[in-house]
């Protein structure tokens, strides 16, 4: 009786996180050892964008291993992002509360409201409230989840990531925000604050990299940059990286703009 061999599983570590920057499609892995294929390829066949899977996996590991080297700016971005998310959550709670109370009043006093505003207007308002609630509730849940993901990502204490791909995928779930594959570059984004941009490896580089005598070649981590989808956080980053000098401060106090503000402040209200 022959030996039964367990089929090797190719874990998609970047599942749900990797996209093609060129056409905005998702990318899926394509692994076929017999044909020496080991890639992430764009789902859009007309696009043809791809990246070597083994190289990208090592690049992602290198990026997440640098997560513990945090700066003052990392903390400032984290604090501001968390503050804005909490503000969004509070606004959504208030909106939900108002609309739920109104919905309950309409439902519990149906006859009274129909008599007051008529059947058509009653059901129109009820349907509008239900539509608003069906839109607000997912937003609230997503914001709440995003707050927790941000906290976990920033305060992650794991100092050694697993070599097992299944475990590694779970460990980086909250930390790794996205991987964007461009035609010539690769952006690896850490949740809500850092981005590392790599030059996309050429096919010649991958061929050289795979040769036995180059197996110990070490990838070099590119310089990190900072990003955010929120203008307020972007301002924090800009102001931190471009601090105002004493000369600029003194010039502002001497400016007509500042003098006008002082005059405005003196005027009786």
C-alpha atoms as a PDB file:
ATOM      1  CA  UNK A   1       0.000   0.000   0.000  1.00  0.00           C
ATOM      2  CA  UNK A   2       1.442   3.381  -1.026  1.00  0.00           C
ATOM      3  CA  UNK A   3       2.077   6.237   1.353  1.00  0.00           C
ATOM      4  CA  UNK A   4      -0.733   8.793   1.380  1.00  0.00           C
ATOM      5  CA  UNK A   5       0.747  12.290   1.153  1.00  0.00           C
ATOM      6  CA  UNK A   6      -1.084  15.259   2.536  1.00  0.00           C
ATOM      7  CA  UNK A   7      -1.723  17.877  -0.140  1.00  0.00           C
ATOM      8  CA  UNK A   8       0.309  21.024   0.562  1.00  0.00           C
ATOM      9  CA  UNK A   9      -1.926  23.998   1.221  1.00  0.00           C
ATOM     10  CA  UNK A  10      -0.952  27.368  -0.210  1.00  0.00           C
ATOM     11  CA  UNK A  11      -2.284  29.846   2.335  1.00  0.00           C
ATOM     12  CA  UNK A  12      -3.421  33.156   0.869  1.00  0.00           C
ATOM     13  CA  UNK A  13      -1.871  35.357   3.566  1.00  0.00           C
ATOM     14  CA  UNK A  14      -3.048  38.562   1.846  1.00  0.00           C
ATOM     15  CA  UNK A  15      -6.615  37.445   1.175  1.00  0.00           C
ATOM     16  CA  UNK A  16      -8.961  40.447   1.112  1.00  0.00           C
ATOM     17  CA  UNK A  17      -6.074  42.922   1.453  1.00  0.00           C
ATOM     18  CA  UNK A  18      -4.296  42.863  -1.904  1.00  0.00           C
ATOM     19  CA  UNK A  19      -5.589  44.897  -4.847  1.00  0.00           C
ATOM     20  CA  UNK A  20      -4.420  46.013  -8.268  1.00  0.00           C
ATOM     21  CA  UNK A  21      -3.801  49.755  -8.194  1.00  0.00           C
ATOM     22  CA  UNK A  22      -4.076  50.018 -11.981  1.00  0.00           C
ATOM     23  CA  UNK A  23      -7.651  48.743 -12.426  1.00  0.00           C
ATOM     24  CA  UNK A  24      -8.838  48.534  -8.768  1.00  0.00           C
ATOM     25  CA  UNK A  25      -9.607  44.798  -9.056  1.00  0.00           C
ATOM     26  CA  UNK A  26      -8.732  42.274  -6.369  1.00  0.00           C
ATOM     27  CA  UNK A  27      -5.699  40.043  -6.880  1.00  0.00           C
ATOM     28  CA  UNK A  28      -5.647  36.329  -6.241  1.00  0.00           C
ATOM     29  CA  UNK A  29      -2.767  33.912  -5.874  1.00  0.00           C
ATOM     30  CA  UNK A  30      -1.780  31.480  -8.585  1.00  0.00           C
ATOM     31  CA  UNK A  31       0.519  28.652  -7.492  1.00  0.00           C
ATOM     32  CA  UNK A  32       1.626  25.775  -9.696  1.00  0.00           C
ATOM     33  CA  UNK A  33       5.014  24.268  -8.724  1.00  0.00           C
ATOM     34  CA  UNK A  34       5.138  22.058 -11.827  1.00  0.00           C
ATOM     35  CA  UNK A  35       4.959  25.115 -14.074  1.00  0.00           C
ATOM     36  CA  UNK A  36       7.093  27.202 -11.665  1.00  0.00           C
ATOM     37  CA  UNK A  37       4.235  29.659 -11.168  1.00  0.00           C
ATOM     38  CA  UNK A  38       4.030  31.441  -7.811  1.00  0.00           C
ATOM     39  CA  UNK A  39       2.279  34.782  -8.235  1.00  0.00           C
ATOM     40  CA  UNK A  40      -0.487  37.129  -7.280  1.00  0.00           C
ATOM     41  CA  UNK A  41      -2.373  38.002 -10.456  1.00  0.00           C
ATOM     42  CA  UNK A  42      -5.050  40.585 -11.179  1.00  0.00           C
ATOM     43  CA  UNK A  43      -8.554  39.159 -11.410  1.00  0.00           C
ATOM     44  CA  UNK A  44      -9.134  41.388 -14.432  1.00  0.00           C
ATOM     45  CA  UNK A  45      -7.600  39.327 -17.243  1.00  0.00           C
ATOM     46  CA  UNK A  46      -7.392  42.377 -19.506  1.00  0.00           C
ATOM     47  CA  UNK A  47      -5.132  44.106 -16.965  1.00  0.00           C
ATOM     48  CA  UNK A  48      -2.394  41.502 -16.622  1.00  0.00           C
ATOM     49  CA  UNK A  49      -0.818  43.031 -13.506  1.00  0.00           C
ATOM     50  CA  UNK A  50       1.053  40.524 -11.315  1.00  0.00           C
ATOM     51  CA  UNK A  51       3.664  40.192  -8.574  1.00  0.00           C
ATOM     52  CA  UNK A  52       5.895  37.366  -7.396  1.00  0.00           C
ATOM     53  CA  UNK A  53       4.147  35.798  -4.386  1.00  0.00           C
ATOM     54  CA  UNK A  54       7.277  34.596  -2.561  1.00  0.00           C
ATOM     55  CA  UNK A  55       8.991  37.994  -2.803  1.00  0.00           C
ATOM     56  CA  UNK A  56       5.846  39.834  -1.647  1.00  0.00           C
ATOM     57  CA  UNK A  57       5.369  37.490   1.316  1.00  0.00           C
ATOM     58  CA  UNK A  58       8.922  38.236   2.514  1.00  0.00           C
ATOM     59  CA  UNK A  59       8.406  41.986   1.984  1.00  0.00           C
ATOM     60  CA  UNK A  60       5.226  41.920   4.104  1.00  0.00           C
ATOM     61  CA  UNK A  61       6.996  39.993   6.877  1.00  0.00           C
ATOM     62  CA  UNK A  62       9.781  42.560   6.899  1.00  0.00           C
ATOM     63  CA  UNK A  63       7.297  45.445   7.132  1.00  0.00           C
ATOM     64  CA  UNK A  64       5.239  44.027  10.017  1.00  0.00           C
ATOM     65  CA  UNK A  65       8.405  43.153  11.926  1.00  0.00           C
ATOM     66  CA  UNK A  66       9.260  46.875  11.925  1.00  0.00           C
ATOM     67  CA  UNK A  67       5.961  47.757  13.601  1.00  0.00           C
ATOM     68  CA  UNK A  68       7.569  48.080  17.038  1.00  0.00           C
ATOM     69  CA  UNK A  69       9.881  50.892  16.012  1.00  0.00           C
ATOM     70  CA  UNK A  70       7.308  53.645  16.636  1.00  0.00           C
ATOM     71  CA  UNK A  71       8.051  57.369  16.605  1.00  0.00           C
ATOM     72  CA  UNK A  72       6.373  60.379  18.191  1.00  0.00           C
ATOM     73  CA  UNK A  73       4.644  60.971  14.859  1.00  0.00           C
ATOM     74  CA  UNK A  74       3.221  57.425  14.873  1.00  0.00           C
ATOM     75  CA  UNK A  75       1.696  58.153  18.277  1.00  0.00           C
ATOM     76  CA  UNK A  76       0.379  61.569  17.142  1.00  0.00           C
ATOM     77  CA  UNK A  77      -1.308  60.008  14.098  1.00  0.00           C
ATOM     78  CA  UNK A  78      -2.771  57.215  16.211  1.00  0.00           C
ATOM     79  CA  UNK A  79      -4.153  59.674  18.810  1.00  0.00           C
ATOM     80  CA  UNK A  80      -5.706  61.965  16.176  1.00  0.00           C
ATOM     81  CA  UNK A  81      -7.209  59.089  14.188  1.00  0.00           C
ATOM     82  CA  UNK A  82      -8.681  57.576  17.343  1.00  0.00           C
ATOM     83  CA  UNK A  83     -10.093  60.961  18.418  1.00  0.00           C
ATOM     84  CA  UNK A  84     -11.811  61.477  15.036  1.00  0.00           C
ATOM     85  CA  UNK A  85     -13.232  57.945  14.986  1.00  0.00           C
ATOM     86  CA  UNK A  86     -14.659  58.430  18.482  1.00  0.00           C
ATOM     87  CA  UNK A  87     -16.254  61.700  17.357  1.00  0.00           C
ATOM     88  CA  UNK A  88     -17.826  59.903  14.379  1.00  0.00           C
ATOM     89  CA  UNK A  89     -19.089  57.173  16.680  1.00  0.00           C
ATOM     90  CA  UNK A  90     -20.686  59.704  19.049  1.00  0.00           C
ATOM     91  CA  UNK A  91     -22.421  61.521  16.165  1.00  0.00           C
ATOM     92  CA  UNK A  92     -23.789  58.225  14.838  1.00  0.00           C
ATOM     93  CA  UNK A  93     -25.027  57.211  18.303  1.00  0.00           C
ATOM     94  CA  UNK A  94     -26.946  60.485  18.624  1.00  0.00           C
ATOM     95  CA  UNK A  95     -28.472  60.169  15.140  1.00  0.00           C
ATOM     96  CA  UNK A  96     -29.469  56.559  15.773  1.00  0.00           C
ATOM     97  CA  UNK A  97     -30.982  57.423  19.138  1.00  0.00           C
ATOM     98  CA  UNK A  98     -33.136  60.237  17.691  1.00  0.00           C
ATOM     99  CA  UNK A  99     -34.391  58.163  14.787  1.00  0.00           C
ATOM    100  CA  UNK A 100     -35.107  55.078  16.926  1.00  0.00           C
ATOM    101  CA  UNK A 101     -37.116  57.164  19.383  1.00  0.00           C
ATOM    102  CA  UNK A 102     -39.119  58.673  16.530  1.00  0.00           C
ATOM    103  CA  UNK A 103     -39.685  55.257  14.977  1.00  0.00           C
ATOM    104  CA  UNK A 104     -40.918  53.837  18.314  1.00  0.00           C
ATOM    105  CA  UNK A 105     -43.315  56.770  18.782  1.00  0.00           C
ATOM    106  CA  UNK A 106     -44.767  56.275  15.315  1.00  0.00           C
ATOM    107  CA  UNK A 107     -45.232  52.542  15.815  1.00  0.00           C
ATOM    108  CA  UNK A 108     -46.671  52.732  19.348  1.00  0.00           C
ATOM    109  CA  UNK A 109     -49.031  55.600  18.505  1.00  0.00           C
ATOM    110  CA  UNK A 110     -50.002  54.542  15.002  1.00  0.00           C
ATOM    111  CA  UNK A 111     -53.696  55.483  15.185  1.00  0.00           C
ATOM    112  CA  UNK A 112     -52.926  58.863  16.697  1.00  0.00           C
ATOM    113  CA  UNK A 113     -50.397  59.804  13.994  1.00  0.00           C
ATOM    114  CA  UNK A 114     -52.531  58.511  11.125  1.00  0.00           C
ATOM    115  CA  UNK A 115     -55.401  60.635  12.393  1.00  0.00           C
ATOM    116  CA  UNK A 116     -53.059  63.650  12.689  1.00  0.00           C
ATOM    117  CA  UNK A 117     -51.036  63.496   9.440  1.00  0.00           C
ATOM    118  CA  UNK A 118     -52.871  60.932   7.339  1.00  0.00           C
ATOM    119  CA  UNK A 119     -52.058  57.377   6.270  1.00  0.00           C
ATOM    120  CA  UNK A 120     -49.833  58.298   3.302  1.00  0.00           C
ATOM    121  CA  UNK A 121     -47.584  60.702   5.248  1.00  0.00           C
ATOM    122  CA  UNK A 122     -47.446  58.318   8.206  1.00  0.00           C
ATOM    123  CA  UNK A 123     -46.096  55.409   6.133  1.00  0.00           C
ATOM    124  CA  UNK A 124     -43.839  57.724   4.135  1.00  0.00           C
ATOM    125  CA  UNK A 125     -42.139  58.949   7.332  1.00  0.00           C
ATOM    126  CA  UNK A 126     -41.928  55.411   8.714  1.00  0.00           C
ATOM    127  CA  UNK A 127     -40.267  54.093   5.535  1.00  0.00           C
ATOM    128  CA  UNK A 128     -37.844  57.044   5.524  1.00  0.00           C
ATOM    129  CA  UNK A 129     -36.854  56.340   9.139  1.00  0.00           C
ATOM    130  CA  UNK A 130     -36.363  52.644   8.427  1.00  0.00           C
ATOM    131  CA  UNK A 131     -34.188  53.475   5.403  1.00  0.00           C
ATOM    132  CA  UNK A 132     -32.101  55.929   7.475  1.00  0.00           C
ATOM    133  CA  UNK A 133     -31.639  53.360  10.245  1.00  0.00           C
ATOM    134  CA  UNK A 134     -30.619  50.637   7.780  1.00  0.00           C
ATOM    135  CA  UNK A 135     -27.899  53.007   6.527  1.00  0.00           C
ATOM    136  CA  UNK A 136     -26.758  54.353   9.911  1.00  0.00           C
ATOM    137  CA  UNK A 137     -26.530  51.055  11.796  1.00  0.00           C
ATOM    138  CA  UNK A 138     -23.845  49.504   9.524  1.00  0.00           C
ATOM    139  CA  UNK A 139     -21.896  52.794   9.632  1.00  0.00           C
ATOM    140  CA  UNK A 140     -21.992  52.735  13.422  1.00  0.00           C
ATOM    141  CA  UNK A 141     -20.905  49.078  13.586  1.00  0.00           C
ATOM    142  CA  UNK A 142     -18.093  49.690  11.079  1.00  0.00           C
ATOM    143  CA  UNK A 143     -16.846  52.720  13.029  1.00  0.00           C
ATOM    144  CA  UNK A 144     -16.946  50.772  16.289  1.00  0.00           C
ATOM    145  CA  UNK A 145     -15.013  47.894  14.674  1.00  0.00           C
ATOM    146  CA  UNK A 146     -12.505  50.311  13.171  1.00  0.00           C
ATOM    147  CA  UNK A 147     -11.787  51.819  16.597  1.00  0.00           C
ATOM    148  CA  UNK A 148     -11.054  48.370  18.006  1.00  0.00           C
ATOM    149  CA  UNK A 149      -8.928  47.414  14.980  1.00  0.00           C
ATOM    150  CA  UNK A 150      -6.928  50.623  15.326  1.00  0.00           C
ATOM    151  CA  UNK A 151      -6.280  50.006  19.033  1.00  0.00           C
ATOM    152  CA  UNK A 152      -5.214  46.413  18.455  1.00  0.00           C
ATOM    153  CA  UNK A 153      -3.022  47.349  15.483  1.00  0.00           C
ATOM    154  CA  UNK A 154      -1.162  50.091  17.364  1.00  0.00           C
ATOM    155  CA  UNK A 155      -0.780  48.265  20.660  1.00  0.00           C
ATOM    156  CA  UNK A 156      -0.024  44.834  19.216  1.00  0.00           C
ATOM    157  CA  UNK A 157       2.453  43.148  21.566  1.00  0.00           C
ATOM    158  CA  UNK A 158       3.497  40.199  19.400  1.00  0.00           C
ATOM    159  CA  UNK A 159       7.255  40.439  19.038  1.00  0.00           C
ATOM    160  CA  UNK A 160       7.691  37.252  17.066  1.00  0.00           C
ATOM    161  CA  UNK A 161       5.492  36.481  14.112  1.00  0.00           C
ATOM    162  CA  UNK A 162       4.766  32.849  13.358  1.00  0.00           C
ATOM    163  CA  UNK A 163       6.530  31.092  10.501  1.00  0.00           C
ATOM    164  CA  UNK A 164       3.339  29.140   9.913  1.00  0.00           C
ATOM    165  CA  UNK A 165       1.406  31.002   7.221  1.00  0.00           C
ATOM    166  CA  UNK A 166      -2.044  30.314   8.716  1.00  0.00           C
ATOM    167  CA  UNK A 167      -0.999  31.741  12.097  1.00  0.00           C
ATOM    168  CA  UNK A 168       0.857  34.632  10.460  1.00  0.00           C
ATOM    169  CA  UNK A 169      -2.275  35.556   8.493  1.00  0.00           C
ATOM    170  CA  UNK A 170      -4.273  35.766  11.753  1.00  0.00           C
ATOM    171  CA  UNK A 171      -1.549  37.747  13.541  1.00  0.00           C
ATOM    172  CA  UNK A 172      -1.364  40.485  10.889  1.00  0.00           C
ATOM    173  CA  UNK A 173      -5.109  40.761  10.225  1.00  0.00           C
ATOM    174  CA  UNK A 174      -5.597  44.012  12.173  1.00  0.00           C
ATOM    175  CA  UNK A 175      -2.100  45.357  11.578  1.00  0.00           C
ATOM    176  CA  UNK A 176      -1.854  45.089   7.789  1.00  0.00           C
ATOM    177  CA  UNK A 177      -4.262  47.522   6.124  1.00  0.00           C
ATOM    178  CA  UNK A 178      -3.681  46.863   2.442  1.00  0.00           C
ATOM    179  CA  UNK A 179      -1.220  45.886  -0.273  1.00  0.00           C
ATOM    180  CA  UNK A 180      -1.517  47.804  -3.551  1.00  0.00           C
ATOM    181  CA  UNK A 181       0.250  46.483  -6.629  1.00  0.00           C
ATOM    182  CA  UNK A 182       1.134  49.185  -9.173  1.00  0.00           C
ATOM    183  CA  UNK A 183       2.798  48.714 -12.539  1.00  0.00           C
ATOM    184  CA  UNK A 184       6.252  49.566 -11.135  1.00  0.00           C
ATOM    185  CA  UNK A 185       5.769  49.811  -7.361  1.00  0.00           C
ATOM    186  CA  UNK A 186       4.240  48.030  -4.391  1.00  0.00           C
ATOM    187  CA  UNK A 187       2.623  49.917  -1.473  1.00  0.00           C
ATOM    188  CA  UNK A 188       2.344  48.013   1.814  1.00  0.00           C
ATOM    189  CA  UNK A 189       0.197  49.937   4.289  1.00  0.00           C
ATOM    190  CA  UNK A 190       0.216  49.480   8.046  1.00  0.00           C
ATOM    191  CA  UNK A 191      -3.196  50.220   9.546  1.00  0.00           C
ATOM    192  CA  UNK A 192      -3.969  53.940   9.298  1.00  0.00           C
ATOM    193  CA  UNK A 193      -0.508  55.439   9.540  1.00  0.00           C
ATOM    194  CA  UNK A 194       2.487  53.975   7.709  1.00  0.00           C
ATOM    195  CA  UNK A 195       3.144  53.079   4.089  1.00  0.00           C
ATOM    196  CA  UNK A 196       6.239  51.376   2.683  1.00  0.00           C
ATOM    197  CA  UNK A 197       6.794  51.716  -1.058  1.00  0.00           C
ATOM    198  CA  UNK A 198       8.939  49.110  -2.804  1.00  0.00           C
ATOM    199  CA  UNK A 199      10.174  49.041  -6.360  1.00  0.00           C
ATOM    200  CA  UNK A 200       8.405  46.156  -8.027  1.00  0.00           C
ATOM    201  CA  UNK A 201      10.947  43.377  -8.721  1.00  0.00           C
ATOM    202  CA  UNK A 202      11.625  42.621 -12.372  1.00  0.00           C
ATOM    203  CA  UNK A 203      11.463  39.103 -13.786  1.00  0.00           C
ATOM    204  CA  UNK A 204      15.292  39.161 -14.092  1.00  0.00           C
ATOM    205  CA  UNK A 205      15.606  40.038 -10.408  1.00  0.00           C
ATOM    206  CA  UNK A 206      13.238  37.203  -9.423  1.00  0.00           C
ATOM    207  CA  UNK A 207      15.233  34.745 -11.572  1.00  0.00           C
ATOM    208  CA  UNK A 208      18.463  35.856  -9.899  1.00  0.00           C
ATOM    209  CA  UNK A 209      16.838  35.795  -6.466  1.00  0.00           C
ATOM    210  CA  UNK A 210      15.702  32.191  -6.912  1.00  0.00           C
ATOM    211  CA  UNK A 211      19.162  30.879  -7.746  1.00  0.00           C
ATOM    212  CA  UNK A 212      20.592  28.630  -5.034  1.00  0.00           C
ATOM    213  CA  UNK A 213      23.629  30.822  -4.362  1.00  0.00           C
ATOM    214  CA  UNK A 214      21.371  33.850  -3.665  1.00  0.00           C
ATOM    215  CA  UNK A 215      18.948  32.208  -1.224  1.00  0.00           C
ATOM    216  CA  UNK A 216      20.362  34.211   1.679  1.00  0.00           C
ATOM    217  CA  UNK A 217      19.823  37.544  -0.073  1.00  0.00           C
ATOM    218  CA  UNK A 218      18.223  39.967   2.398  1.00  0.00           C
ATOM    219  CA  UNK A 219      15.540  42.409   1.304  1.00  0.00           C
ATOM    220  CA  UNK A 220      16.135  45.982   2.391  1.00  0.00           C
ATOM    221  CA  UNK A 221      13.246  47.808   4.024  1.00  0.00           C
ATOM    222  CA  UNK A 222      12.378  51.057   2.174  1.00  0.00           C
ATOM    223  CA  UNK A 223      11.967  54.328   4.037  1.00  0.00           C
ATOM    224  CA  UNK A 224       8.539  54.593   5.605  1.00  0.00           C
ATOM    225  CA  UNK A 225       6.100  57.356   4.762  1.00  0.00           C
ATOM    226  CA  UNK A 226       2.838  58.360   6.396  1.00  0.00           C
ATOM    227  CA  UNK A 227      -0.681  58.386   5.011  1.00  0.00           C
ATOM    228  CA  UNK A 228      -4.293  58.925   5.940  1.00  0.00           C
ATOM    229  CA  UNK A 229      -7.662  59.199   4.210  1.00  0.00           C
ATOM    230  CA  UNK A 230      -8.628  61.975   6.638  1.00  0.00           C
ATOM    231  CA  UNK A 231      -7.600  65.613   6.012  1.00  0.00           C
ATOM    232  CA  UNK A 232      -7.276  66.351   9.760  1.00  0.00           C
ATOM    233  CA  UNK A 233      -4.785  63.511  10.164  1.00  0.00           C
ATOM    234  CA  UNK A 234      -2.950  64.596   7.014  1.00  0.00           C
ATOM    235  CA  UNK A 235      -2.571  68.060   8.600  1.00  0.00           C
ATOM    236  CA  UNK A 236      -1.075  66.477  11.736  1.00  0.00           C
ATOM    237  CA  UNK A 237       1.472  64.657   9.571  1.00  0.00           C
ATOM    238  CA  UNK A 238       2.304  67.793   7.546  1.00  0.00           C
ATOM    239  CA  UNK A 239       2.667  70.026  10.610  1.00  0.00           C
ATOM    240  CA  UNK A 240       4.868  67.474  12.346  1.00  0.00           C
ATOM    241  CA  UNK A 241       7.148  67.047   9.337  1.00  0.00           C
ATOM    242  CA  UNK A 242       7.145  70.798   8.584  1.00  0.00           C
ATOM    243  CA  UNK A 243       7.332  72.548  11.960  1.00  0.00           C
ATOM    244  CA  UNK A 244       6.832  76.311  12.028  1.00  0.00           C
ATOM    245  CA  UNK A 245      10.089  78.204  12.642  1.00  0.00           C
ATOM    246  CA  UNK A 246      10.501  81.097  15.109  1.00  0.00           C
ATOM    247  CA  UNK A 247      10.956  83.508  12.189  1.00  0.00           C
ATOM    248  CA  UNK A 248       7.622  82.393  10.687  1.00  0.00           C
ATOM    249  CA  UNK A 249       5.886  82.819  14.054  1.00  0.00           C
ATOM    250  CA  UNK A 250       7.323  86.328  14.531  1.00  0.00           C
ATOM    251  CA  UNK A 251       6.405  87.269  10.960  1.00  0.00           C
ATOM    252  CA  UNK A 252       2.815  86.164  11.593  1.00  0.00           C
ATOM    253  CA  UNK A 253       2.539  88.339  14.732  1.00  0.00           C
ATOM    254  CA  UNK A 254       3.744  91.302  12.669  1.00  0.00           C
ATOM    255  CA  UNK A 255       1.386  90.598   9.778  1.00  0.00           C
ATOM    256  CA  UNK A 256      -1.744  92.562   8.841  1.00  0.00           C
ATOM    257  CA  UNK A 257      -3.787  89.347   9.185  1.00  0.00           C
ATOM    258  CA  UNK A 258      -2.880  89.034  12.878  1.00  0.00           C
ATOM    259  CA  UNK A 259      -3.455  92.772  13.526  1.00  0.00           C
ATOM    260  CA  UNK A 260      -6.922  92.552  11.953  1.00  0.00           C
ATOM    261  CA  UNK A 261      -7.796  89.599  14.205  1.00  0.00           C
ATOM    262  CA  UNK A 262      -6.744  91.603  17.259  1.00  0.00           C
ATOM    263  CA  UNK A 263      -8.882  94.554  16.146  1.00  0.00           C
ATOM    264  CA  UNK A 264     -11.851  92.238  15.514  1.00  0.00           C
ATOM    265  CA  UNK A 265     -11.464  90.841  19.020  1.00  0.00           C
ATOM    266  CA  UNK A 266     -11.618  94.322  20.554  1.00  0.00           C
ATOM    267  CA  UNK A 267     -14.893  95.241  18.853  1.00  0.00           C
ATOM    268  CA  UNK A 268     -17.947  94.992  21.137  1.00  0.00           C
ATOM    269  CA  UNK A 269     -20.333  92.141  20.316  1.00  0.00           C
END
